[in-house]
Protein backbone atom coordinates (compact mmCIF):
# COMPACT_ATOMS: atom_id res chain seq x y z
CA MET A 1 -24.50 -25.66 -21.89
CA GLN A 2 -21.08 -25.74 -23.00
CA ARG A 3 -21.76 -22.50 -25.04
CA ARG A 4 -22.95 -20.65 -21.88
CA HIS A 5 -19.71 -21.48 -20.15
CA LEU A 6 -17.64 -20.10 -23.17
CA LEU A 7 -19.78 -16.85 -23.23
CA ALA A 8 -19.24 -16.41 -19.48
CA LEU A 9 -15.51 -16.97 -19.73
CA ALA A 10 -15.29 -14.66 -22.80
CA ALA A 11 -17.19 -11.92 -20.72
CA LEU A 12 -14.82 -12.43 -17.75
CA THR A 13 -11.90 -11.72 -20.02
CA VAL A 14 -13.03 -8.53 -21.73
CA LEU A 15 -14.30 -6.86 -18.28
CA PRO A 16 -12.07 -4.05 -17.12
CA ALA A 17 -9.75 -5.23 -14.10
CA PRO A 18 -10.45 -3.29 -10.85
CA ALA A 19 -8.89 -0.04 -10.49
CA SER A 20 -6.00 0.27 -8.71
CA ALA A 21 -5.73 2.93 -5.64
CA HIS A 22 -4.75 6.31 -6.04
CA ALA A 23 -1.69 7.73 -4.14
CA ILE A 24 -3.12 8.72 -0.51
CA LEU A 25 -1.07 11.54 1.39
CA MET A 26 -0.18 9.75 4.84
CA GLN A 27 1.92 12.27 6.28
CA SER A 28 2.89 15.86 5.70
CA ILE A 29 5.65 18.15 7.22
CA PRO A 30 4.12 20.61 7.82
CA ARG A 31 0.89 19.14 9.08
CA HIS A 32 -2.49 20.80 7.91
CA ALA A 33 -3.00 24.09 9.49
CA ALA A 34 0.36 24.01 11.34
CA ARG A 35 2.41 27.14 12.38
CA LEU A 36 5.88 27.24 11.26
CA ALA A 37 8.91 29.79 11.91
CA ALA A 38 10.05 31.96 9.19
CA GLY A 39 13.34 30.96 7.23
CA ALA A 40 14.62 27.91 5.45
CA GLN A 41 12.27 24.95 5.77
CA THR A 42 12.07 21.26 4.10
CA LEU A 43 8.58 20.51 3.08
CA THR A 44 7.93 16.82 3.14
CA LEU A 45 5.03 14.64 1.91
CA ARG A 46 4.70 10.75 2.27
CA PHE A 47 2.37 8.78 0.23
CA ASN A 48 1.04 5.07 0.32
CA SER A 49 2.45 4.00 -2.99
CA ARG A 50 5.39 4.88 -5.24
CA LEU A 51 5.19 7.72 -7.32
CA ASP A 52 6.44 8.89 -10.86
CA LEU A 53 8.75 11.51 -9.45
CA ALA A 54 9.37 12.91 -12.78
CA ARG A 55 5.82 13.90 -13.22
CA SER A 56 4.90 14.66 -9.77
CA ARG A 57 5.17 18.13 -8.30
CA LEU A 58 5.08 20.58 -5.29
CA THR A 59 4.04 24.09 -5.67
CA LEU A 60 4.31 26.77 -2.88
CA LEU A 61 1.34 29.24 -2.80
CA ARG A 62 2.68 32.36 -0.81
CA PRO A 63 0.99 34.95 1.14
CA ASP A 64 1.49 37.66 -1.72
CA LYS A 65 -0.61 35.11 -4.04
CA SER A 66 2.62 34.01 -5.95
CA ALA A 67 3.15 30.42 -6.83
CA GLU A 68 6.47 28.80 -6.87
CA ILE A 69 7.05 25.33 -8.17
CA LEU A 70 9.60 23.88 -6.01
CA THR A 71 12.55 21.85 -7.10
CA LEU A 72 12.00 18.17 -5.73
CA LEU A 73 14.79 16.79 -3.49
CA PRO A 74 16.18 13.23 -4.24
CA GLY A 75 14.89 10.60 -1.96
CA SER A 76 12.26 7.89 -1.55
CA GLU A 77 9.92 6.79 -4.26
CA ASP A 78 6.77 7.59 -2.01
CA VAL A 79 8.07 10.97 -0.58
CA LEU A 80 8.02 14.40 -2.03
CA SER A 81 10.33 16.89 -0.49
CA ALA A 82 11.61 20.27 -1.46
CA SER A 83 13.25 23.23 0.46
CA ALA A 84 11.95 26.69 0.79
CA THR A 85 12.59 30.14 2.38
CA LEU A 86 9.27 31.13 3.92
CA THR A 87 8.08 34.51 4.89
CA PRO A 88 5.54 35.40 7.43
CA GLY A 89 1.73 34.76 6.47
CA PRO A 90 -0.60 31.98 5.16
CA HIS A 91 1.07 29.70 2.70
CA THR A 92 -0.67 26.70 0.89
CA LEU A 93 1.68 23.52 -0.20
CA ARG A 94 -0.33 22.39 -3.29
CA TRP A 95 0.73 18.61 -4.68
CA GLN A 96 0.07 16.66 -7.69
CA VAL A 97 1.50 13.11 -7.94
CA LEU A 98 1.25 10.29 -10.52
CA ALA A 99 1.27 7.11 -8.91
CA ILE A 100 3.00 4.08 -10.80
CA ASP A 101 -0.16 2.95 -11.67
CA GLY A 102 -1.01 5.89 -13.76
CA HIS A 103 -3.58 7.70 -11.32
CA ILE A 104 -3.04 11.41 -10.86
CA THR A 105 -4.14 12.57 -7.10
CA ARG A 106 -4.14 16.36 -6.18
CA GLY A 107 -4.29 18.09 -2.76
CA GLU A 108 -3.29 20.94 -0.83
CA VAL A 109 -1.81 21.46 2.77
CA PRO A 110 -2.52 24.93 4.06
CA PHE A 111 -0.20 26.45 6.84
CA THR A 112 1.08 29.68 8.58
CA VAL A 113 4.41 30.94 8.95
CA ALA A 114 4.85 33.09 12.01
CA ALA A 115 6.81 36.45 12.15
CA ALA A 116 10.14 36.01 13.80
């Protein structure tokens, strides 16, 4: 009987711990499918957990299909922000974040920029 208890205890110590949650996008400016004015804008994404900002990024896909990796603005550990000058047409803000628990999460926020 004692041997069974020891085996059960040993099994519990070698089983993997439950995985931590990925970083989940809680709020975005612009919102999904939003319509913005052309010109300088600050794009902001807020997540449910702290991020490794050095290993997270925002990429802006422009109407001409070009991609621009945006320079992140300093701020909170759960927010990615960047400034961009937007031109009319469909855009997509593509994000990739590394949560401090080591999980990578990716996503996109499509939006449209209206002509002036």
